[in-house]
Amino acid sequence: MAAVPTVSRVRVTVTASDPISREGVVGQLRRHPEVDLCEGPGSASVAVLVEDVLDESALARLRRAVRSEGARVVLVVGTIRENELLDVIECGAGAIVWRREATAHRLVQAVLTAAEGGGDLPADLLGRLISQVGRLHRGGGDHPASFLGLTPREVDVVRLVAEGLDTTEIAGKLSYSERTVKNVMHGLTTRLHLRNRSHAVAYALREGYI
């Protein structure tokens, strides 16, 4: 009998501001073999945080999940105000899903992307992020370009990440191998102490590379 291939499962915790919201997300994720739901801080590689709004306590939970527990974060949120968007990205949220769009398929997609260190932002949020950073530059914002800088190859890769392309699509566009694309992203996130692809895009936008 042929061996059945094993599915690589992502260990996931779900935290919500109310138990009904938590059970709703848990119920969506439980049906998918890619997800291994677990309990307790520090026990998962991806933390799904479900919030209505981003008040101070919600942002504190986000920072704790990233910095103390070492998890990659999927933020499921009802609304994000304009002045909160860069803070959320820089706190380390690798993926953001609107609560109104939080279907089982959408949640699993975000979890798997976050687990691989990728970024997953709704298109309307990405547009707002670009507009916000553009205003910072036009206003002479107080974020001077890092002397470390980005290489032309890194700029090419990050620009395509910002356009929503995945590793395979970026490799095809630039005639690189997928390994090269991954190495480029790993190199720049490590060198500049960036948490994930979304943070790299935010950095490149803020510093005027894209």
N, C-alpha and C. Protein backbone atom coordinates (compact mmCIF):
# COMPACT_ATOMS: atom_id res chain seq x y z
N MET A 1 0.85 -1.19 0.00
CA MET A 1 0.00 0.00 0.00
C MET A 1 0.89 1.25 0.00
N ALA A 2 0.55 2.24 -0.84
CA ALA A 2 1.35 3.46 -0.92
C ALA A 2 1.20 4.26 0.36
N ALA A 3 2.29 4.86 0.77
CA ALA A 3 2.25 5.67 1.99
C ALA A 3 1.45 6.94 1.73
N VAL A 4 0.65 7.33 2.72
CA VAL A 4 -0.12 8.56 2.62
C VAL A 4 0.77 9.71 3.05
N PRO A 5 0.93 10.74 2.21
CA PRO A 5 1.80 11.85 2.58
C PRO A 5 1.27 12.59 3.80
N THR A 6 2.15 12.95 4.70
CA THR A 6 1.72 13.68 5.88
C THR A 6 1.58 15.16 5.56
N VAL A 7 0.62 15.80 6.21
CA VAL A 7 0.38 17.22 6.01
C VAL A 7 1.16 17.99 7.07
N SER A 8 1.95 18.94 6.63
CA SER A 8 2.67 19.78 7.58
C SER A 8 1.69 20.74 8.22
N ARG A 9 1.52 20.60 9.52
CA ARG A 9 0.50 21.39 10.21
C ARG A 9 1.13 22.58 10.92
N VAL A 10 0.41 23.67 10.93
CA VAL A 10 0.85 24.89 11.59
C VAL A 10 0.16 24.98 12.95
N ARG A 11 0.96 25.12 14.01
CA ARG A 11 0.40 25.24 15.35
C ARG A 11 -0.12 26.66 15.56
N VAL A 12 -1.39 26.76 15.93
CA VAL A 12 -2.08 28.05 15.98
C VAL A 12 -2.80 28.21 17.31
N THR A 13 -2.69 29.39 17.90
CA THR A 13 -3.54 29.77 19.03
C THR A 13 -4.49 30.87 18.57
N VAL A 14 -5.65 30.93 19.20
CA VAL A 14 -6.65 31.96 18.88
C VAL A 14 -6.99 32.70 20.17
N THR A 15 -6.86 34.03 20.12
CA THR A 15 -7.21 34.88 21.25
C THR A 15 -8.20 35.93 20.76
N ALA A 16 -9.24 36.16 21.55
CA ALA A 16 -10.25 37.14 21.15
C ALA A 16 -10.71 37.93 22.37
N SER A 17 -11.27 39.11 22.09
CA SER A 17 -11.75 39.97 23.17
C SER A 17 -13.04 39.44 23.78
N ASP A 18 -13.70 38.51 23.10
CA ASP A 18 -14.90 37.89 23.68
C ASP A 18 -14.96 36.42 23.26
N PRO A 19 -15.53 35.55 24.10
CA PRO A 19 -15.50 34.11 23.82
C PRO A 19 -16.28 33.69 22.57
N ILE A 20 -17.32 34.42 22.21
CA ILE A 20 -18.11 34.05 21.04
C ILE A 20 -17.28 34.24 19.77
N SER A 21 -16.57 35.36 19.71
CA SER A 21 -15.71 35.61 18.54
C SER A 21 -14.63 34.55 18.45
N ARG A 22 -14.06 34.18 19.61
CA ARG A 22 -13.00 33.18 19.60
C ARG A 22 -13.53 31.85 19.08
N GLU A 23 -14.68 31.42 19.58
CA GLU A 23 -15.23 30.14 19.14
C GLU A 23 -15.58 30.15 17.67
N GLY A 24 -15.99 31.30 17.16
CA GLY A 24 -16.29 31.39 15.73
C GLY A 24 -15.06 31.15 14.87
N VAL A 25 -13.94 31.75 15.24
CA VAL A 25 -12.70 31.57 14.49
C VAL A 25 -12.16 30.16 14.68
N VAL A 26 -12.19 29.66 15.91
CA VAL A 26 -11.73 28.29 16.17
C VAL A 26 -12.53 27.30 15.33
N GLY A 27 -13.85 27.50 15.26
CA GLY A 27 -14.69 26.61 14.46
C GLY A 27 -14.34 26.63 12.98
N GLN A 28 -13.97 27.82 12.47
CA GLN A 28 -13.57 27.94 11.08
C GLN A 28 -12.26 27.20 10.81
N LEU A 29 -11.31 27.33 11.73
CA LEU A 29 -9.98 26.75 11.53
C LEU A 29 -9.95 25.25 11.79
N ARG A 30 -10.79 24.79 12.69
CA ARG A 30 -10.73 23.39 13.13
C ARG A 30 -10.96 22.42 11.99
N ARG A 31 -11.67 22.83 10.96
CA ARG A 31 -12.02 21.93 9.86
C ARG A 31 -10.89 21.69 8.88
N HIS A 32 -9.77 22.41 9.07
CA HIS A 32 -8.70 22.33 8.07
C HIS A 32 -7.51 21.55 8.60
N PRO A 33 -7.06 20.53 7.85
CA PRO A 33 -5.96 19.68 8.33
C PRO A 33 -4.62 20.41 8.43
N GLU A 34 -4.50 21.56 7.78
CA GLU A 34 -3.23 22.30 7.83
C GLU A 34 -3.01 22.95 9.19
N VAL A 35 -4.08 23.07 9.98
CA VAL A 35 -4.04 23.82 11.23
C VAL A 35 -4.10 22.89 12.42
N ASP A 36 -3.19 23.10 13.36
CA ASP A 36 -3.18 22.35 14.63
C ASP A 36 -3.46 23.35 15.74
N LEU A 37 -4.70 23.39 16.21
CA LEU A 37 -5.08 24.35 17.25
C LEU A 37 -4.51 23.94 18.59
N CYS A 38 -3.92 24.87 19.31
CA CYS A 38 -3.35 24.57 20.61
C CYS A 38 -3.65 25.70 21.58
N GLU A 39 -3.34 25.47 22.84
CA GLU A 39 -3.65 26.43 23.89
C GLU A 39 -2.37 26.93 24.52
N GLY A 40 -2.44 28.13 25.08
CA GLY A 40 -1.35 28.61 25.91
C GLY A 40 -0.34 29.46 25.17
N PRO A 41 0.15 30.52 25.82
CA PRO A 41 1.16 31.39 25.21
C PRO A 41 2.45 30.64 24.95
N GLY A 42 3.07 30.94 23.82
CA GLY A 42 4.35 30.33 23.48
C GLY A 42 4.26 28.94 22.90
N SER A 43 3.03 28.42 22.74
CA SER A 43 2.88 27.05 22.26
C SER A 43 2.65 26.96 20.77
N ALA A 44 2.50 28.11 20.09
CA ALA A 44 2.15 28.10 18.67
C ALA A 44 3.12 28.94 17.86
N SER A 45 3.20 28.63 16.56
CA SER A 45 4.03 29.44 15.66
C SER A 45 3.24 30.61 15.08
N VAL A 46 1.90 30.49 15.07
CA VAL A 46 1.04 31.58 14.60
C VAL A 46 -0.02 31.88 15.65
N ALA A 47 -0.16 33.15 16.00
CA ALA A 47 -1.20 33.58 16.92
C ALA A 47 -2.24 34.38 16.15
N VAL A 48 -3.50 33.94 16.21
CA VAL A 48 -4.60 34.68 15.59
C VAL A 48 -5.25 35.53 16.67
N LEU A 49 -5.24 36.85 16.49
CA LEU A 49 -5.86 37.77 17.44
C LEU A 49 -7.12 38.34 16.81
N VAL A 50 -8.22 38.22 17.51
CA VAL A 50 -9.51 38.70 16.99
C VAL A 50 -9.93 39.91 17.82
N GLU A 51 -10.05 41.06 17.17
CA GLU A 51 -10.38 42.30 17.86
C GLU A 51 -11.45 43.05 17.08
N ASP A 52 -12.27 43.82 17.81
CA ASP A 52 -13.21 44.72 17.13
C ASP A 52 -12.48 45.99 16.69
N VAL A 53 -11.82 46.61 17.65
CA VAL A 53 -11.06 47.83 17.38
C VAL A 53 -9.69 47.69 18.04
N LEU A 54 -8.76 48.54 17.63
CA LEU A 54 -7.41 48.47 18.16
C LEU A 54 -7.22 49.50 19.27
N ASP A 55 -7.73 49.18 20.46
CA ASP A 55 -7.46 50.04 21.60
C ASP A 55 -6.10 49.66 22.19
N GLU A 56 -5.73 50.31 23.28
CA GLU A 56 -4.42 50.07 23.86
C GLU A 56 -4.22 48.63 24.31
N SER A 57 -5.29 48.04 24.86
CA SER A 57 -5.16 46.65 25.33
C SER A 57 -4.98 45.70 24.15
N ALA A 58 -5.63 45.98 23.02
CA ALA A 58 -5.47 45.13 21.84
C ALA A 58 -4.05 45.24 21.29
N LEU A 59 -3.52 46.46 21.23
CA LEU A 59 -2.14 46.64 20.76
C LEU A 59 -1.15 45.98 21.70
N ALA A 60 -1.44 46.00 23.01
CA ALA A 60 -0.57 45.33 23.98
C ALA A 60 -0.57 43.83 23.75
N ARG A 61 -1.74 43.26 23.45
CA ARG A 61 -1.81 41.82 23.16
C ARG A 61 -1.02 41.48 21.89
N LEU A 62 -1.11 42.36 20.91
CA LEU A 62 -0.37 42.15 19.66
C LEU A 62 1.14 42.15 19.92
N ARG A 63 1.62 43.16 20.65
CA ARG A 63 3.05 43.24 20.94
C ARG A 63 3.52 42.03 21.76
N ARG A 64 2.70 41.61 22.71
CA ARG A 64 3.07 40.47 23.56
C ARG A 64 3.21 39.20 22.74
N ALA A 65 2.27 38.99 21.83
CA ALA A 65 2.31 37.78 21.00
C ALA A 65 3.57 37.72 20.17
N VAL A 66 4.00 38.88 19.65
CA VAL A 66 5.18 38.91 18.78
C VAL A 66 6.47 38.88 19.58
N ARG A 67 6.56 39.74 20.59
CA ARG A 67 7.84 39.93 21.27
C ARG A 67 8.08 38.91 22.38
N SER A 68 7.06 38.62 23.14
CA SER A 68 7.25 37.71 24.28
C SER A 68 7.08 36.25 23.88
N GLU A 69 6.11 35.99 23.02
CA GLU A 69 5.79 34.61 22.69
C GLU A 69 6.44 34.15 21.39
N GLY A 70 6.99 35.08 20.62
CA GLY A 70 7.70 34.72 19.40
C GLY A 70 6.82 34.21 18.28
N ALA A 71 5.54 34.52 18.32
CA ALA A 71 4.62 34.02 17.29
C ALA A 71 4.52 35.01 16.13
N ARG A 72 4.20 34.49 14.96
CA ARG A 72 3.79 35.33 13.84
C ARG A 72 2.29 35.58 14.02
N VAL A 73 1.85 36.79 13.74
CA VAL A 73 0.49 37.19 14.11
C VAL A 73 -0.39 37.40 12.89
N VAL A 74 -1.61 36.83 12.99
CA VAL A 74 -2.70 37.16 12.07
C VAL A 74 -3.70 37.98 12.87
N LEU A 75 -3.92 39.21 12.46
CA LEU A 75 -4.86 40.09 13.15
C LEU A 75 -6.19 40.09 12.40
N VAL A 76 -7.24 39.65 13.08
CA VAL A 76 -8.59 39.70 12.53
C VAL A 76 -9.29 40.86 13.23
N VAL A 77 -9.63 41.90 12.48
CA VAL A 77 -10.07 43.14 13.13
C VAL A 77 -11.25 43.76 12.38
N GLY A 78 -12.08 44.46 13.13
CA GLY A 78 -13.25 45.10 12.53
C GLY A 78 -12.89 46.37 11.79
N THR A 79 -12.02 47.17 12.40
CA THR A 79 -11.64 48.44 11.79
C THR A 79 -10.25 48.84 12.26
N ILE A 80 -9.53 49.56 11.41
CA ILE A 80 -8.23 50.12 11.76
C ILE A 80 -8.24 51.58 11.35
N ARG A 81 -7.98 52.45 12.31
CA ARG A 81 -7.92 53.88 12.00
C ARG A 81 -6.63 54.20 11.26
N GLU A 82 -6.68 55.29 10.51
CA GLU A 82 -5.54 55.66 9.66
C GLU A 82 -4.23 55.75 10.45
N ASN A 83 -4.29 56.34 11.65
CA ASN A 83 -3.07 56.56 12.42
C ASN A 83 -2.57 55.29 13.11
N GLU A 84 -3.32 54.19 13.00
CA GLU A 84 -2.91 52.94 13.65
C GLU A 84 -2.21 51.98 12.70
N LEU A 85 -2.31 52.23 11.41
CA LEU A 85 -1.90 51.23 10.43
C LEU A 85 -0.40 50.92 10.49
N LEU A 86 0.44 51.95 10.46
CA LEU A 86 1.88 51.71 10.53
C LEU A 86 2.27 51.07 11.85
N ASP A 87 1.60 51.49 12.93
CA ASP A 87 1.90 50.89 14.24
C ASP A 87 1.63 49.39 14.22
N VAL A 88 0.52 48.99 13.61
CA VAL A 88 0.15 47.57 13.56
C VAL A 88 1.20 46.78 12.77
N ILE A 89 1.61 47.30 11.62
CA ILE A 89 2.61 46.62 10.80
C ILE A 89 3.92 46.51 11.55
N GLU A 90 4.33 47.61 12.17
CA GLU A 90 5.62 47.62 12.84
C GLU A 90 5.61 46.84 14.15
N CYS A 91 4.42 46.63 14.71
CA CYS A 91 4.32 45.75 15.88
C CYS A 91 4.60 44.30 15.49
N GLY A 92 4.39 43.98 14.22
CA GLY A 92 4.71 42.63 13.77
C GLY A 92 3.54 41.82 13.25
N ALA A 93 2.42 42.46 12.94
CA ALA A 93 1.29 41.72 12.36
C ALA A 93 1.65 41.33 10.93
N GLY A 94 1.83 40.02 10.68
CA GLY A 94 2.20 39.57 9.35
C GLY A 94 1.03 39.53 8.39
N ALA A 95 -0.17 39.36 8.92
CA ALA A 95 -1.36 39.29 8.07
C ALA A 95 -2.51 39.98 8.79
N ILE A 96 -3.34 40.66 8.02
CA ILE A 96 -4.53 41.32 8.56
C ILE A 96 -5.72 40.86 7.76
N VAL A 97 -6.78 40.47 8.46
CA VAL A 97 -8.02 40.02 7.83
C VAL A 97 -9.16 40.83 8.42
N TRP A 98 -10.00 41.42 7.57
CA TRP A 98 -11.19 42.10 8.07
C TRP A 98 -12.15 41.07 8.65
N ARG A 99 -12.77 41.39 9.75
CA ARG A 99 -13.72 40.45 10.37
C ARG A 99 -14.83 40.09 9.40
N ARG A 100 -15.28 41.05 8.61
CA ARG A 100 -16.38 40.79 7.68
C ARG A 100 -15.97 39.83 6.57
N GLU A 101 -14.67 39.63 6.37
CA GLU A 101 -14.17 38.75 5.31
C GLU A 101 -13.54 37.48 5.87
N ALA A 102 -13.73 37.21 7.16
CA ALA A 102 -13.03 36.11 7.83
C ALA A 102 -13.70 34.76 7.61
N THR A 103 -13.72 34.33 6.36
CA THR A 103 -14.21 32.98 6.03
C THR A 103 -13.13 31.97 6.40
N ALA A 104 -13.50 30.70 6.42
CA ALA A 104 -12.52 29.66 6.74
C ALA A 104 -11.36 29.71 5.75
N HIS A 105 -11.65 29.83 4.46
CA HIS A 105 -10.60 29.86 3.45
C HIS A 105 -9.67 31.05 3.65
N ARG A 106 -10.24 32.22 3.92
CA ARG A 106 -9.44 33.44 4.09
C ARG A 106 -8.54 33.33 5.33
N LEU A 107 -9.09 32.78 6.41
CA LEU A 107 -8.31 32.64 7.65
C LEU A 107 -7.14 31.67 7.46
N VAL A 108 -7.42 30.53 6.84
CA VAL A 108 -6.35 29.55 6.63
C VAL A 108 -5.28 30.11 5.72
N GLN A 109 -5.68 30.81 4.67
CA GLN A 109 -4.72 31.44 3.77
C GLN A 109 -3.80 32.39 4.54
N ALA A 110 -4.39 33.21 5.42
CA ALA A 110 -3.60 34.17 6.19
C ALA A 110 -2.67 33.46 7.17
N VAL A 111 -3.15 32.39 7.80
CA VAL A 111 -2.33 31.63 8.75
C VAL A 111 -1.13 31.02 8.04
N LEU A 112 -1.35 30.39 6.89
CA LEU A 112 -0.25 29.74 6.17
C LEU A 112 0.75 30.77 5.66
N THR A 113 0.27 31.92 5.19
CA THR A 113 1.17 32.98 4.73
C THR A 113 2.02 33.51 5.89
N ALA A 114 1.38 33.76 7.03
CA ALA A 114 2.10 34.25 8.20
C ALA A 114 3.13 33.24 8.68
N ALA A 115 2.76 31.96 8.65
CA ALA A 115 3.67 30.91 9.12
C ALA A 115 4.95 30.87 8.30
N GLU A 116 4.86 31.24 7.02
CA GLU A 116 6.03 31.25 6.14
C GLU A 116 6.78 32.57 6.18
N GLY A 117 6.34 33.49 7.05
CA GLY A 117 7.00 34.79 7.14
C GLY A 117 6.53 35.78 6.10
N GLY A 118 5.44 35.47 5.42
CA GLY A 118 4.93 36.36 4.39
C GLY A 118 4.02 37.43 4.94
N GLY A 119 3.61 38.34 4.08
CA GLY A 119 2.69 39.40 4.44
C GLY A 119 1.39 39.24 3.68
N ASP A 120 0.28 39.54 4.32
CA ASP A 120 -1.03 39.39 3.69
C ASP A 120 -1.92 40.52 4.18
N LEU A 121 -2.03 41.57 3.36
CA LEU A 121 -2.87 42.71 3.72
C LEU A 121 -4.02 42.83 2.73
N PRO A 122 -5.23 43.20 3.21
CA PRO A 122 -6.31 43.50 2.26
C PRO A 122 -5.89 44.62 1.32
N ALA A 123 -6.39 44.57 0.10
CA ALA A 123 -5.96 45.55 -0.91
C ALA A 123 -6.24 46.98 -0.48
N ASP A 124 -7.37 47.21 0.19
CA ASP A 124 -7.69 48.59 0.60
C ASP A 124 -6.72 49.08 1.67
N LEU A 125 -6.26 48.18 2.54
CA LEU A 125 -5.29 48.56 3.55
C LEU A 125 -3.94 48.88 2.93
N LEU A 126 -3.54 48.10 1.94
CA LEU A 126 -2.25 48.36 1.28
C LEU A 126 -2.28 49.73 0.63
N GLY A 127 -3.40 50.08 0.01
CA GLY A 127 -3.53 51.40 -0.59
C GLY A 127 -3.43 52.51 0.45
N ARG A 128 -4.07 52.30 1.60
CA ARG A 128 -4.00 53.29 2.67
C ARG A 128 -2.58 53.42 3.22
N LEU A 129 -1.88 52.28 3.32
CA LEU A 129 -0.51 52.30 3.81
C LEU A 129 0.38 53.12 2.88
N ILE A 130 0.24 52.90 1.57
CA ILE A 130 1.04 53.64 0.60
C ILE A 130 0.73 55.13 0.67
N SER A 131 -0.56 55.48 0.79
CA SER A 131 -0.95 56.89 0.87
C SER A 131 -0.39 57.54 2.13
N GLN A 132 -0.45 56.80 3.25
CA GLN A 132 0.02 57.35 4.51
C GLN A 132 1.52 57.63 4.47
N VAL A 133 2.29 56.66 3.95
CA VAL A 133 3.73 56.85 3.88
C VAL A 133 4.07 57.98 2.91
N GLY A 134 3.31 58.08 1.82
CA GLY A 134 3.53 59.17 0.88
C GLY A 134 3.35 60.53 1.55
N ARG A 135 2.34 60.65 2.41
CA ARG A 135 2.12 61.91 3.12
C ARG A 135 3.28 62.21 4.08
N LEU A 136 3.82 61.15 4.71
CA LEU A 136 4.98 61.34 5.61
C LEU A 136 6.15 61.94 4.84
N HIS A 137 6.39 61.43 3.64
CA HIS A 137 7.52 61.92 2.85
C HIS A 137 7.28 63.34 2.37
N ARG A 138 6.07 63.62 1.90
CA ARG A 138 5.78 64.97 1.41
C ARG A 138 5.86 65.99 2.54
N GLY A 139 5.54 65.53 3.75
CA GLY A 139 5.58 66.43 4.90
C GLY A 139 6.94 66.49 5.56
N GLY A 140 7.95 65.86 4.95
CA GLY A 140 9.28 65.88 5.55
C GLY A 140 9.30 65.12 6.86
N GLY A 141 8.76 63.90 6.86
CA GLY A 141 8.66 63.10 8.08
C GLY A 141 9.99 62.90 8.76
N ASP A 142 9.93 62.52 10.03
CA ASP A 142 11.14 62.41 10.84
C ASP A 142 11.73 61.01 10.80
N HIS A 143 11.67 60.36 9.63
CA HIS A 143 12.19 59.00 9.52
C HIS A 143 13.26 58.97 8.44
N PRO A 144 14.47 59.46 8.70
CA PRO A 144 15.51 59.48 7.67
C PRO A 144 15.86 58.09 7.20
N ALA A 145 16.31 58.01 5.95
CA ALA A 145 16.67 56.71 5.39
C ALA A 145 17.83 56.10 6.17
N SER A 146 17.73 54.82 6.39
CA SER A 146 18.79 54.11 7.12
C SER A 146 20.06 54.09 6.29
N PHE A 147 21.21 54.27 6.98
CA PHE A 147 22.48 54.20 6.26
C PHE A 147 22.73 52.80 5.73
N LEU A 148 22.01 51.81 6.28
CA LEU A 148 22.20 50.45 5.79
C LEU A 148 21.63 50.30 4.38
N GLY A 149 20.49 50.92 4.14
CA GLY A 149 19.91 50.95 2.82
C GLY A 149 19.46 49.60 2.29
N LEU A 150 18.82 49.63 1.12
CA LEU A 150 18.42 48.43 0.39
C LEU A 150 19.21 48.36 -0.90
N THR A 151 19.58 47.17 -1.29
CA THR A 151 20.25 46.99 -2.57
C THR A 151 19.21 47.04 -3.69
N PRO A 152 19.64 47.30 -4.93
CA PRO A 152 18.68 47.30 -6.05
C PRO A 152 17.90 45.98 -6.15
N ARG A 153 18.56 44.85 -5.90
CA ARG A 153 17.86 43.56 -5.95
C ARG A 153 16.78 43.50 -4.88
N GLU A 154 17.10 43.98 -3.67
CA GLU A 154 16.11 43.96 -2.59
C GLU A 154 14.93 44.87 -2.91
N VAL A 155 15.22 46.02 -3.51
CA VAL A 155 14.14 46.94 -3.89
C VAL A 155 13.22 46.27 -4.90
N ASP A 156 13.79 45.59 -5.89
CA ASP A 156 12.98 44.90 -6.90
C ASP A 156 12.05 43.87 -6.25
N VAL A 157 12.61 43.09 -5.32
CA VAL A 157 11.81 42.04 -4.67
C VAL A 157 10.74 42.65 -3.80
N VAL A 158 11.09 43.64 -2.98
CA VAL A 158 10.11 44.23 -2.06
C VAL A 158 9.01 44.94 -2.82
N ARG A 159 9.36 45.58 -3.95
CA ARG A 159 8.32 46.25 -4.74
C ARG A 159 7.26 45.24 -5.21
N LEU A 160 7.69 44.05 -5.62
CA LEU A 160 6.74 43.04 -6.07
C LEU A 160 5.97 42.44 -4.90
N VAL A 161 6.62 42.33 -3.73
CA VAL A 161 5.88 41.91 -2.53
C VAL A 161 4.77 42.89 -2.23
N ALA A 162 5.07 44.19 -2.36
CA ALA A 162 4.08 45.24 -2.11
C ALA A 162 2.91 45.16 -3.08
N GLU A 163 3.17 44.62 -4.27
CA GLU A 163 2.10 44.47 -5.26
C GLU A 163 1.28 43.21 -5.04
N GLY A 164 1.65 42.44 -4.02
CA GLY A 164 0.86 41.26 -3.67
C GLY A 164 1.31 39.97 -4.30
N LEU A 165 2.47 39.96 -4.95
CA LEU A 165 2.95 38.73 -5.59
C LEU A 165 3.55 37.79 -4.55
N ASP A 166 3.40 36.49 -4.77
CA ASP A 166 4.02 35.52 -3.88
C ASP A 166 5.42 35.16 -4.39
N THR A 167 6.10 34.28 -3.66
CA THR A 167 7.50 33.95 -3.99
C THR A 167 7.64 33.42 -5.41
N THR A 168 6.75 32.52 -5.80
CA THR A 168 6.83 31.94 -7.15
C THR A 168 6.64 32.99 -8.22
N GLU A 169 5.67 33.88 -8.02
CA GLU A 169 5.41 34.93 -9.02
C GLU A 169 6.56 35.92 -9.10
N ILE A 170 7.15 36.25 -7.94
CA ILE A 170 8.30 37.17 -7.94
C ILE A 170 9.48 36.54 -8.68
N ALA A 171 9.73 35.27 -8.42
CA ALA A 171 10.82 34.57 -9.10
C ALA A 171 10.62 34.61 -10.61
N GLY A 172 9.40 34.39 -11.06
CA GLY A 172 9.11 34.42 -12.49
C GLY A 172 9.30 35.79 -13.10
N LYS A 173 8.86 36.83 -12.38
CA LYS A 173 8.98 38.20 -12.88
C LYS A 173 10.44 38.62 -13.03
N LEU A 174 11.26 38.23 -12.05
CA LEU A 174 12.64 38.70 -12.02
C LEU A 174 13.64 37.70 -12.60
N SER A 175 13.13 36.55 -13.05
CA SER A 175 14.00 35.47 -13.57
C SER A 175 15.00 35.00 -12.52
N TYR A 176 14.53 34.93 -11.26
CA TYR A 176 15.33 34.38 -10.18
C TYR A 176 14.78 33.00 -9.83
N SER A 177 15.55 32.24 -9.07
CA SER A 177 14.99 31.02 -8.48
C SER A 177 14.19 31.43 -7.25
N GLU A 178 13.26 30.55 -6.83
CA GLU A 178 12.50 30.83 -5.61
C GLU A 178 13.43 30.92 -4.41
N ARG A 179 14.48 30.10 -4.40
CA ARG A 179 15.44 30.14 -3.30
C ARG A 179 16.11 31.52 -3.22
N THR A 180 16.43 32.08 -4.38
CA THR A 180 17.06 33.40 -4.40
C THR A 180 16.13 34.45 -3.81
N VAL A 181 14.85 34.41 -4.19
CA VAL A 181 13.88 35.36 -3.66
C VAL A 181 13.79 35.23 -2.14
N LYS A 182 13.70 33.98 -1.66
CA LYS A 182 13.63 33.76 -0.21
C LYS A 182 14.89 34.26 0.48
N ASN A 183 16.05 34.03 -0.13
CA ASN A 183 17.31 34.48 0.46
C ASN A 183 17.39 36.01 0.51
N VAL A 184 16.90 36.67 -0.54
CA VAL A 184 16.90 38.13 -0.56
C VAL A 184 16.04 38.67 0.58
N MET A 185 14.83 38.12 0.74
CA MET A 185 13.94 38.58 1.80
C MET A 185 14.51 38.28 3.17
N HIS A 186 15.09 37.09 3.32
CA HIS A 186 15.67 36.72 4.61
C HIS A 186 16.84 37.65 4.94
N GLY A 187 17.65 37.95 3.94
CA GLY A 187 18.81 38.80 4.17
C GLY A 187 18.43 40.20 4.62
N LEU A 188 17.45 40.80 3.95
CA LEU A 188 17.12 42.18 4.31
C LEU A 188 16.35 42.25 5.63
N THR A 189 15.46 41.27 5.89
CA THR A 189 14.73 41.30 7.16
C THR A 189 15.67 41.06 8.34
N THR A 190 16.67 40.20 8.14
CA THR A 190 17.64 39.95 9.21
C THR A 190 18.54 41.17 9.43
N ARG A 191 19.05 41.74 8.34
CA ARG A 191 19.98 42.86 8.45
C ARG A 191 19.33 44.10 9.06
N LEU A 192 18.08 44.34 8.71
CA LEU A 192 17.39 45.55 9.17
C LEU A 192 16.47 45.29 10.36
N HIS A 193 16.54 44.06 10.89
CA HIS A 193 15.74 43.69 12.07
C HIS A 193 14.24 43.90 11.81
N LEU A 194 13.80 43.47 10.63
CA LEU A 194 12.38 43.54 10.27
C LEU A 194 11.73 42.20 10.59
N ARG A 195 10.45 42.23 10.94
CA ARG A 195 9.82 41.02 11.46
C ARG A 195 9.29 40.08 10.38
N ASN A 196 8.87 40.64 9.26
CA ASN A 196 8.25 39.81 8.23
C ASN A 196 8.14 40.63 6.94
N ARG A 197 7.49 40.07 5.95
CA ARG A 197 7.40 40.76 4.65
C ARG A 197 6.60 42.05 4.74
N SER A 198 5.52 42.05 5.52
CA SER A 198 4.72 43.28 5.66
C SER A 198 5.56 44.39 6.27
N HIS A 199 6.38 44.05 7.27
CA HIS A 199 7.24 45.04 7.89
C HIS A 199 8.27 45.54 6.89
N ALA A 200 8.79 44.64 6.05
CA ALA A 200 9.76 45.05 5.02
C ALA A 200 9.13 46.03 4.03
N VAL A 201 7.87 45.76 3.63
CA VAL A 201 7.17 46.68 2.72
C VAL A 201 6.97 48.03 3.39
N ALA A 202 6.55 48.02 4.66
CA ALA A 202 6.35 49.27 5.39
C ALA A 202 7.65 50.06 5.48
N TYR A 203 8.76 49.36 5.76
CA TYR A 203 10.06 50.01 5.83
C TYR A 203 10.43 50.64 4.48
N ALA A 204 10.28 49.86 3.39
CA ALA A 204 10.66 50.36 2.08
C ALA A 204 9.82 51.56 1.67
N LEU A 205 8.52 51.53 2.01
CA LEU A 205 7.65 52.66 1.71
C LEU A 205 8.05 53.88 2.52
N ARG A 206 8.28 53.66 3.82
CA ARG A 206 8.60 54.77 4.71
C ARG A 206 9.91 55.46 4.28
N GLU A 207 10.88 54.66 3.83
CA GLU A 207 12.18 55.20 3.48
C GLU A 207 12.27 55.66 2.02
N GLY A 208 11.16 55.53 1.30
CA GLY A 208 11.12 56.07 -0.05
C GLY A 208 11.72 55.21 -1.14
N TYR A 209 11.90 53.91 -0.86
CA TYR A 209 12.45 53.01 -1.88
C TYR A 209 11.41 52.62 -2.92
N ILE A 210 10.15 52.56 -2.51
CA ILE A 210 9.08 52.19 -3.43
C ILE A 210 7.91 53.15 -3.27
